[in-house]
N, C-alpha and C. Protein backbone atom coordinates (compact mmCIF):
# COMPACT_ATOMS: atom_id res chain seq x y z
N MET A 1 -7.07 14.16 -22.43
CA MET A 1 -7.55 15.39 -21.86
C MET A 1 -8.07 16.26 -23.00
N ASP A 2 -9.24 16.82 -22.83
CA ASP A 2 -9.83 17.70 -23.82
C ASP A 2 -8.91 18.90 -24.01
N GLU A 3 -8.52 19.15 -25.26
CA GLU A 3 -7.59 20.24 -25.54
C GLU A 3 -8.14 21.59 -25.14
N ASN A 4 -9.48 21.73 -25.14
CA ASN A 4 -10.11 22.99 -24.80
C ASN A 4 -10.40 23.12 -23.31
N ALA A 5 -10.23 22.04 -22.57
CA ALA A 5 -10.52 22.06 -21.14
C ALA A 5 -9.43 22.83 -20.41
N LYS A 6 -9.86 23.67 -19.51
CA LYS A 6 -8.92 24.46 -18.72
C LYS A 6 -8.75 23.80 -17.36
N ILE A 7 -7.51 23.57 -16.98
CA ILE A 7 -7.23 22.97 -15.69
C ILE A 7 -7.62 23.97 -14.60
N PRO A 8 -8.46 23.54 -13.65
CA PRO A 8 -8.83 24.47 -12.58
C PRO A 8 -7.59 24.86 -11.77
N GLY A 9 -7.53 26.12 -11.40
CA GLY A 9 -6.39 26.62 -10.64
C GLY A 9 -6.51 26.32 -9.16
N ALA A 10 -5.48 26.69 -8.43
CA ALA A 10 -5.43 26.44 -6.99
C ALA A 10 -6.52 27.17 -6.23
N ASP A 11 -7.11 28.20 -6.86
CA ASP A 11 -8.18 28.94 -6.20
C ASP A 11 -9.52 28.20 -6.27
N ALA A 12 -9.62 27.19 -7.14
CA ALA A 12 -10.85 26.39 -7.23
C ALA A 12 -10.91 25.43 -6.04
N PRO A 13 -12.11 25.07 -5.59
CA PRO A 13 -12.20 24.10 -4.48
C PRO A 13 -11.51 22.79 -4.84
N VAL A 14 -10.95 22.14 -3.84
CA VAL A 14 -10.24 20.87 -4.05
C VAL A 14 -11.15 19.86 -4.73
N GLU A 15 -12.42 19.83 -4.34
CA GLU A 15 -13.37 18.88 -4.93
C GLU A 15 -13.48 19.08 -6.43
N GLU A 16 -13.49 20.34 -6.87
CA GLU A 16 -13.59 20.65 -8.30
C GLU A 16 -12.34 20.18 -9.04
N ARG A 17 -11.19 20.37 -8.42
CA ARG A 17 -9.93 19.95 -9.04
C ARG A 17 -9.84 18.43 -9.11
N LEU A 18 -10.30 17.75 -8.05
CA LEU A 18 -10.31 16.28 -8.06
C LEU A 18 -11.29 15.75 -9.10
N LEU A 19 -12.44 16.40 -9.22
CA LEU A 19 -13.43 15.98 -10.22
C LEU A 19 -12.86 16.12 -11.62
N PHE A 20 -12.11 17.19 -11.85
CA PHE A 20 -11.47 17.39 -13.15
C PHE A 20 -10.50 16.25 -13.46
N LEU A 21 -9.71 15.87 -12.46
CA LEU A 21 -8.78 14.75 -12.63
C LEU A 21 -9.54 13.46 -12.89
N GLN A 22 -10.55 13.18 -12.09
CA GLN A 22 -11.34 11.96 -12.23
C GLN A 22 -11.99 11.89 -13.61
N GLU A 23 -12.64 12.97 -14.03
CA GLU A 23 -13.31 12.98 -15.33
C GLU A 23 -12.34 12.73 -16.47
N ASN A 24 -11.17 13.35 -16.41
CA ASN A 24 -10.18 13.16 -17.47
C ASN A 24 -9.64 11.74 -17.49
N MET A 25 -9.41 11.17 -16.32
CA MET A 25 -8.95 9.79 -16.26
C MET A 25 -10.00 8.84 -16.83
N VAL A 26 -11.24 9.01 -16.40
CA VAL A 26 -12.33 8.14 -16.87
C VAL A 26 -12.48 8.27 -18.39
N ASN A 27 -12.51 9.51 -18.89
CA ASN A 27 -12.69 9.72 -20.33
C ASN A 27 -11.55 9.09 -21.13
N PHE A 28 -10.32 9.24 -20.66
CA PHE A 28 -9.18 8.68 -21.39
C PHE A 28 -9.22 7.15 -21.38
N VAL A 29 -9.48 6.58 -20.22
CA VAL A 29 -9.53 5.12 -20.09
C VAL A 29 -10.63 4.54 -20.97
N LYS A 30 -11.79 5.19 -20.98
CA LYS A 30 -12.90 4.71 -21.81
C LYS A 30 -12.61 4.92 -23.30
N GLN A 31 -12.15 6.10 -23.66
CA GLN A 31 -11.92 6.43 -25.07
C GLN A 31 -10.93 5.49 -25.73
N TYR A 32 -9.89 5.12 -25.00
CA TYR A 32 -8.85 4.26 -25.57
C TYR A 32 -8.96 2.82 -25.12
N SER A 33 -10.05 2.47 -24.44
CA SER A 33 -10.24 1.11 -23.93
C SER A 33 -8.96 0.59 -23.30
N LEU A 34 -8.40 1.39 -22.42
CA LEU A 34 -7.12 1.03 -21.79
C LEU A 34 -7.20 -0.28 -21.05
N PRO A 35 -6.25 -1.17 -21.31
CA PRO A 35 -6.21 -2.44 -20.59
C PRO A 35 -5.94 -2.23 -19.10
N VAL A 36 -6.51 -3.08 -18.31
CA VAL A 36 -6.38 -2.99 -16.87
C VAL A 36 -4.91 -3.00 -16.43
N ILE A 37 -4.08 -3.76 -17.09
CA ILE A 37 -2.66 -3.84 -16.70
C ILE A 37 -1.96 -2.50 -16.93
N GLU A 38 -2.29 -1.81 -18.02
CA GLU A 38 -1.64 -0.54 -18.31
C GLU A 38 -2.09 0.54 -17.32
N VAL A 39 -3.38 0.60 -17.04
CA VAL A 39 -3.89 1.57 -16.07
C VAL A 39 -3.27 1.28 -14.70
N SER A 40 -3.19 0.00 -14.36
CA SER A 40 -2.62 -0.39 -13.06
C SER A 40 -1.19 0.09 -12.89
N LEU A 41 -0.39 -0.06 -13.92
CA LEU A 41 1.01 0.33 -13.83
C LEU A 41 1.17 1.84 -13.65
N VAL A 42 0.36 2.62 -14.36
CA VAL A 42 0.44 4.07 -14.24
C VAL A 42 -0.09 4.52 -12.87
N VAL A 43 -1.22 3.99 -12.45
CA VAL A 43 -1.79 4.36 -11.16
C VAL A 43 -0.84 3.98 -10.03
N SER A 44 -0.26 2.78 -10.11
CA SER A 44 0.65 2.36 -9.04
C SER A 44 1.90 3.24 -8.99
N LYS A 45 2.36 3.72 -10.14
CA LYS A 45 3.51 4.62 -10.18
C LYS A 45 3.18 5.90 -9.42
N TYR A 46 2.02 6.47 -9.68
CA TYR A 46 1.66 7.72 -9.02
C TYR A 46 1.38 7.52 -7.53
N ILE A 47 0.80 6.41 -7.18
CA ILE A 47 0.60 6.13 -5.76
C ILE A 47 1.96 6.08 -5.05
N ARG A 48 2.91 5.39 -5.66
CA ARG A 48 4.25 5.28 -5.07
C ARG A 48 4.91 6.65 -4.94
N LEU A 49 4.85 7.46 -6.00
CA LEU A 49 5.49 8.78 -5.98
C LEU A 49 4.85 9.71 -4.94
N LEU A 50 3.53 9.74 -4.92
CA LEU A 50 2.82 10.61 -3.99
C LEU A 50 3.04 10.16 -2.55
N LEU A 51 3.00 8.85 -2.34
CA LEU A 51 3.18 8.32 -0.99
C LEU A 51 4.60 8.61 -0.48
N GLU A 52 5.60 8.44 -1.34
CA GLU A 52 6.98 8.76 -0.94
C GLU A 52 7.10 10.22 -0.53
N SER A 53 6.49 11.11 -1.29
CA SER A 53 6.54 12.53 -0.98
C SER A 53 5.84 12.83 0.34
N LEU A 54 4.68 12.25 0.54
CA LEU A 54 3.94 12.45 1.79
C LEU A 54 4.68 11.87 2.98
N GLU A 55 5.27 10.69 2.80
CA GLU A 55 6.02 10.07 3.90
C GLU A 55 7.22 10.93 4.30
N LYS A 56 7.89 11.51 3.32
CA LYS A 56 9.02 12.38 3.61
C LYS A 56 8.56 13.61 4.39
N ALA A 57 7.48 14.24 3.93
CA ALA A 57 6.96 15.43 4.61
C ALA A 57 6.47 15.07 6.02
N ALA A 58 5.84 13.92 6.16
CA ALA A 58 5.33 13.49 7.47
C ALA A 58 6.49 13.24 8.43
N LEU A 59 7.54 12.62 7.93
CA LEU A 59 8.72 12.35 8.77
C LEU A 59 9.35 13.65 9.24
N GLU A 60 9.47 14.61 8.34
CA GLU A 60 10.09 15.89 8.68
C GLU A 60 9.27 16.67 9.70
N SER A 61 7.96 16.50 9.69
CA SER A 61 7.10 17.26 10.61
C SER A 61 6.60 16.43 11.79
N GLY A 62 7.05 15.17 11.88
CA GLY A 62 6.64 14.32 12.98
C GLY A 62 5.19 13.87 12.92
N GLU A 63 4.64 13.83 11.73
CA GLU A 63 3.25 13.41 11.52
C GLU A 63 3.20 11.95 11.09
N ILE A 64 2.00 11.40 11.13
CA ILE A 64 1.77 10.03 10.66
C ILE A 64 0.72 10.09 9.55
N ILE A 65 0.99 9.37 8.47
CA ILE A 65 0.05 9.33 7.35
C ILE A 65 -1.10 8.40 7.71
N PRO A 66 -2.34 8.85 7.50
CA PRO A 66 -3.48 7.98 7.80
C PRO A 66 -3.42 6.67 7.01
N GLU A 67 -3.82 5.60 7.67
CA GLU A 67 -3.72 4.28 7.05
C GLU A 67 -4.55 4.17 5.77
N ASN A 68 -5.67 4.90 5.70
CA ASN A 68 -6.54 4.78 4.52
C ASN A 68 -5.88 5.30 3.23
N ILE A 69 -4.81 6.08 3.36
CA ILE A 69 -4.08 6.46 2.15
C ILE A 69 -2.68 5.84 2.11
N ALA A 70 -2.20 5.40 3.25
CA ALA A 70 -0.86 4.80 3.31
C ALA A 70 -0.86 3.35 2.81
N GLN A 71 -1.99 2.66 2.94
CA GLN A 71 -2.08 1.25 2.58
C GLN A 71 -3.17 1.02 1.52
N PRO A 72 -2.98 0.01 0.67
CA PRO A 72 -4.04 -0.33 -0.29
C PRO A 72 -5.32 -0.72 0.45
N TRP A 73 -6.44 -0.42 -0.16
CA TRP A 73 -7.73 -0.76 0.43
C TRP A 73 -8.01 -2.24 0.24
N GLU A 74 -8.73 -2.82 1.19
CA GLU A 74 -9.10 -4.23 1.11
C GLU A 74 -10.02 -4.47 -0.09
N ILE A 75 -9.87 -5.64 -0.68
CA ILE A 75 -10.75 -6.03 -1.79
C ILE A 75 -11.32 -7.41 -1.51
N GLU A 76 -12.41 -7.67 -2.19
CA GLU A 76 -12.98 -9.01 -2.17
C GLU A 76 -12.88 -9.55 -3.58
N SER A 77 -12.37 -10.78 -3.67
CA SER A 77 -12.19 -11.40 -4.97
C SER A 77 -12.84 -12.77 -4.97
N GLU A 78 -13.37 -13.12 -6.13
CA GLU A 78 -14.00 -14.43 -6.27
C GLU A 78 -12.97 -15.55 -6.45
N LEU A 79 -11.78 -15.19 -6.87
CA LEU A 79 -10.76 -16.19 -7.16
C LEU A 79 -9.61 -16.09 -6.16
N SER A 80 -8.78 -17.10 -6.14
CA SER A 80 -7.62 -17.06 -5.26
C SER A 80 -6.54 -16.18 -5.88
N ALA A 81 -5.75 -15.56 -5.05
CA ALA A 81 -4.70 -14.65 -5.52
C ALA A 81 -3.59 -15.38 -6.26
N SER A 82 -3.52 -16.69 -6.12
CA SER A 82 -2.43 -17.43 -6.75
C SER A 82 -2.61 -17.58 -8.26
N THR A 83 -3.79 -17.27 -8.80
CA THR A 83 -4.02 -17.42 -10.24
C THR A 83 -3.06 -16.58 -11.05
N ILE A 84 -2.89 -15.33 -10.67
CA ILE A 84 -2.04 -14.43 -11.44
C ILE A 84 -0.57 -14.83 -11.36
N ASP A 85 -0.19 -15.52 -10.31
CA ASP A 85 1.19 -15.96 -10.17
C ASP A 85 1.62 -16.90 -11.30
N SER A 86 0.65 -17.55 -11.94
CA SER A 86 0.98 -18.49 -13.01
C SER A 86 1.08 -17.80 -14.38
N PHE A 87 0.77 -16.50 -14.46
CA PHE A 87 0.83 -15.79 -15.73
C PHE A 87 2.28 -15.46 -16.09
N PRO A 88 2.62 -15.52 -17.39
CA PRO A 88 3.99 -15.18 -17.82
C PRO A 88 4.19 -13.66 -17.84
N LEU A 89 4.45 -13.07 -16.67
CA LEU A 89 4.48 -11.61 -16.54
C LEU A 89 5.54 -10.95 -17.41
N ASP A 90 6.71 -11.56 -17.58
CA ASP A 90 7.74 -10.96 -18.44
C ASP A 90 7.23 -10.80 -19.86
N LYS A 91 6.55 -11.82 -20.34
CA LYS A 91 6.01 -11.79 -21.69
C LYS A 91 4.88 -10.75 -21.79
N LEU A 92 4.05 -10.70 -20.76
CA LEU A 92 2.94 -9.74 -20.75
C LEU A 92 3.45 -8.30 -20.75
N LEU A 93 4.47 -8.03 -19.95
CA LEU A 93 5.00 -6.67 -19.86
C LEU A 93 5.62 -6.23 -21.18
N GLY A 94 6.08 -7.17 -21.98
CA GLY A 94 6.65 -6.85 -23.27
C GLY A 94 5.63 -6.45 -24.32
N THR A 95 4.35 -6.66 -24.04
CA THR A 95 3.30 -6.34 -25.01
C THR A 95 2.51 -5.09 -24.62
N LEU A 96 3.01 -4.34 -23.67
CA LEU A 96 2.32 -3.12 -23.24
C LEU A 96 2.47 -2.03 -24.29
N ASP A 97 1.48 -1.15 -24.37
CA ASP A 97 1.54 0.00 -25.26
C ASP A 97 2.14 1.16 -24.47
N GLU A 98 3.45 1.32 -24.57
CA GLU A 98 4.18 2.33 -23.80
C GLU A 98 3.71 3.75 -24.11
N GLU A 99 3.40 4.02 -25.38
CA GLU A 99 2.96 5.36 -25.76
C GLU A 99 1.64 5.72 -25.09
N ARG A 100 0.73 4.79 -25.07
CA ARG A 100 -0.58 5.03 -24.45
C ARG A 100 -0.40 5.26 -22.95
N MET A 101 0.47 4.48 -22.34
CA MET A 101 0.74 4.65 -20.91
C MET A 101 1.42 5.99 -20.64
N ASP A 102 2.31 6.41 -21.53
CA ASP A 102 2.97 7.71 -21.38
C ASP A 102 1.96 8.86 -21.46
N ILE A 103 0.97 8.72 -22.31
CA ILE A 103 -0.06 9.76 -22.43
C ILE A 103 -0.85 9.86 -21.12
N LEU A 104 -1.26 8.71 -20.58
CA LEU A 104 -1.99 8.72 -19.31
C LEU A 104 -1.10 9.29 -18.21
N ASP A 105 0.15 8.89 -18.18
CA ASP A 105 1.11 9.38 -17.20
C ASP A 105 1.24 10.91 -17.29
N THR A 106 1.41 11.41 -18.49
CA THR A 106 1.56 12.85 -18.71
C THR A 106 0.30 13.60 -18.29
N MET A 107 -0.86 13.05 -18.64
CA MET A 107 -2.12 13.69 -18.28
C MET A 107 -2.23 13.80 -16.76
N LEU A 108 -1.93 12.72 -16.05
CA LEU A 108 -1.98 12.76 -14.59
C LEU A 108 -1.04 13.81 -14.03
N ARG A 109 0.18 13.81 -14.49
CA ARG A 109 1.19 14.75 -13.99
C ARG A 109 0.77 16.20 -14.24
N VAL A 110 0.30 16.48 -15.45
CA VAL A 110 -0.09 17.84 -15.81
C VAL A 110 -1.27 18.31 -14.97
N ILE A 111 -2.26 17.46 -14.78
CA ILE A 111 -3.44 17.86 -14.01
C ILE A 111 -3.10 18.00 -12.53
N ILE A 112 -2.40 17.03 -11.97
CA ILE A 112 -2.06 17.09 -10.54
C ILE A 112 -1.23 18.34 -10.25
N ASN A 113 -0.22 18.60 -11.07
CA ASN A 113 0.64 19.77 -10.84
C ASN A 113 -0.04 21.07 -11.24
N GLY A 114 -0.71 21.06 -12.39
CA GLY A 114 -1.36 22.28 -12.88
C GLY A 114 -2.50 22.74 -12.00
N ALA A 115 -3.27 21.80 -11.47
CA ALA A 115 -4.39 22.14 -10.60
C ALA A 115 -3.96 22.26 -9.15
N GLU A 116 -2.70 21.96 -8.89
CA GLU A 116 -2.15 22.02 -7.53
C GLU A 116 -3.05 21.26 -6.54
N ILE A 117 -3.38 20.03 -6.93
CA ILE A 117 -4.23 19.20 -6.07
C ILE A 117 -3.38 18.67 -4.92
N PRO A 118 -3.85 18.80 -3.69
CA PRO A 118 -3.08 18.26 -2.56
C PRO A 118 -2.80 16.77 -2.77
N PHE A 119 -1.58 16.38 -2.45
CA PHE A 119 -1.18 14.98 -2.66
C PHE A 119 -2.07 14.01 -1.90
N SER A 120 -2.47 14.37 -0.69
CA SER A 120 -3.30 13.45 0.10
C SER A 120 -4.65 13.23 -0.58
N SER A 121 -5.22 14.26 -1.17
CA SER A 121 -6.50 14.12 -1.87
C SER A 121 -6.34 13.30 -3.14
N THR A 122 -5.26 13.56 -3.86
CA THR A 122 -4.98 12.80 -5.08
C THR A 122 -4.75 11.33 -4.75
N LEU A 123 -4.02 11.09 -3.68
CA LEU A 123 -3.74 9.71 -3.27
C LEU A 123 -5.02 8.97 -2.91
N THR A 124 -5.94 9.63 -2.26
CA THR A 124 -7.22 9.00 -1.92
C THR A 124 -7.98 8.62 -3.19
N LEU A 125 -8.00 9.53 -4.17
CA LEU A 125 -8.67 9.24 -5.44
C LEU A 125 -7.99 8.05 -6.13
N LEU A 126 -6.68 8.02 -6.14
CA LEU A 126 -5.95 6.93 -6.79
C LEU A 126 -6.10 5.61 -6.05
N ARG A 127 -6.27 5.65 -4.73
CA ARG A 127 -6.52 4.42 -3.97
C ARG A 127 -7.84 3.79 -4.40
N ASP A 128 -8.83 4.62 -4.73
CA ASP A 128 -10.11 4.10 -5.22
C ASP A 128 -9.90 3.41 -6.57
N TRP A 129 -9.14 4.04 -7.45
CA TRP A 129 -8.82 3.42 -8.74
C TRP A 129 -8.06 2.11 -8.51
N GLU A 130 -7.08 2.15 -7.63
CA GLU A 130 -6.27 0.97 -7.34
C GLU A 130 -7.14 -0.19 -6.86
N MET A 131 -8.09 0.10 -5.99
CA MET A 131 -8.96 -0.96 -5.47
C MET A 131 -9.74 -1.62 -6.61
N ARG A 132 -10.30 -0.81 -7.49
CA ARG A 132 -11.07 -1.34 -8.62
C ARG A 132 -10.17 -2.14 -9.57
N LEU A 133 -8.98 -1.66 -9.79
CA LEU A 133 -8.03 -2.37 -10.64
C LEU A 133 -7.63 -3.70 -10.03
N ARG A 134 -7.37 -3.70 -8.73
CA ARG A 134 -6.96 -4.94 -8.04
C ARG A 134 -8.07 -5.99 -8.08
N VAL A 135 -9.31 -5.55 -7.96
CA VAL A 135 -10.44 -6.50 -8.04
C VAL A 135 -10.46 -7.13 -9.42
N GLN A 136 -10.33 -6.31 -10.46
CA GLN A 136 -10.38 -6.85 -11.83
C GLN A 136 -9.18 -7.77 -12.08
N ILE A 137 -8.02 -7.40 -11.59
CA ILE A 137 -6.84 -8.26 -11.79
C ILE A 137 -6.98 -9.56 -11.00
N ALA A 138 -7.47 -9.46 -9.78
CA ALA A 138 -7.64 -10.65 -8.94
C ALA A 138 -8.64 -11.64 -9.55
N ASN A 139 -9.59 -11.12 -10.31
CA ASN A 139 -10.59 -11.99 -10.94
C ASN A 139 -10.17 -12.49 -12.32
N ALA A 140 -8.98 -12.11 -12.76
CA ALA A 140 -8.48 -12.56 -14.07
C ALA A 140 -8.18 -14.05 -14.01
N THR A 141 -8.67 -14.77 -14.99
CA THR A 141 -8.43 -16.21 -15.03
C THR A 141 -7.43 -16.61 -16.12
N SER A 142 -7.06 -15.61 -16.95
CA SER A 142 -6.06 -15.88 -17.98
C SER A 142 -5.28 -14.59 -18.23
N PRO A 143 -4.09 -14.73 -18.82
CA PRO A 143 -3.29 -13.52 -19.10
C PRO A 143 -4.03 -12.51 -19.98
N GLY A 144 -4.86 -12.99 -20.86
CA GLY A 144 -5.61 -12.10 -21.74
C GLY A 144 -6.53 -11.15 -20.98
N HIS A 145 -7.01 -11.59 -19.82
CA HIS A 145 -7.88 -10.73 -19.02
C HIS A 145 -7.18 -9.47 -18.55
N LEU A 146 -5.86 -9.53 -18.43
CA LEU A 146 -5.12 -8.34 -18.01
C LEU A 146 -5.11 -7.27 -19.10
N PHE A 147 -5.41 -7.69 -20.33
CA PHE A 147 -5.47 -6.74 -21.44
C PHE A 147 -6.90 -6.38 -21.81
N SER A 148 -7.84 -6.81 -20.98
CA SER A 148 -9.22 -6.38 -21.14
C SER A 148 -9.32 -4.94 -20.70
N PRO A 149 -10.24 -4.18 -21.29
CA PRO A 149 -10.38 -2.78 -20.86
C PRO A 149 -10.77 -2.73 -19.37
N MET A 150 -10.29 -1.69 -18.73
CA MET A 150 -10.65 -1.49 -17.32
C MET A 150 -12.14 -1.32 -17.22
N GLU A 151 -12.75 -2.00 -16.27
CA GLU A 151 -14.19 -1.90 -16.06
C GLU A 151 -14.46 -0.73 -15.13
N LEU A 152 -15.25 0.22 -15.63
CA LEU A 152 -15.62 1.38 -14.85
C LEU A 152 -17.14 1.39 -14.65
N PRO A 153 -17.59 1.46 -13.42
CA PRO A 153 -19.03 1.49 -13.19
C PRO A 153 -19.63 2.81 -13.68
N ASP A 154 -20.92 2.80 -13.99
CA ASP A 154 -21.60 4.01 -14.40
C ASP A 154 -21.48 5.05 -13.29
N GLY A 155 -21.22 6.27 -13.66
CA GLY A 155 -21.13 7.35 -12.70
C GLY A 155 -19.82 7.43 -11.95
N PHE A 156 -18.84 6.60 -12.34
CA PHE A 156 -17.55 6.59 -11.63
C PHE A 156 -16.77 7.84 -11.91
């Protein structure tokens, strides 16, 4: 996150606050060439936390969470899902850069809380990231591919 960047307040439109989150995530992932596995773990953590909070609030108020944020989005993959099952995940998880992941985690937490972005909006943004991450992971043909930088399309 740019040290000089000011987190938009709750009075800013939700779209502006989401754009701030998106831009900071994209810049951090690109600047540090974050591996897809590390981004995936942080994004999945926030999806789980936000979804748990929304599910609790929905239960208390008798509401139902829309499926487009409650469930992962469908992906199309060129390879079979069984490829990743053969990767030595315990060994892979031992080679993660925990500090880099902590920085991304902290950045997400600070922006989401500081900008007071509604959880449902944040969850929608993270579902988009999750979909792109899942496609890249599903297309991995070797464990090394999980440590390739996350592929971000132009204008993402």
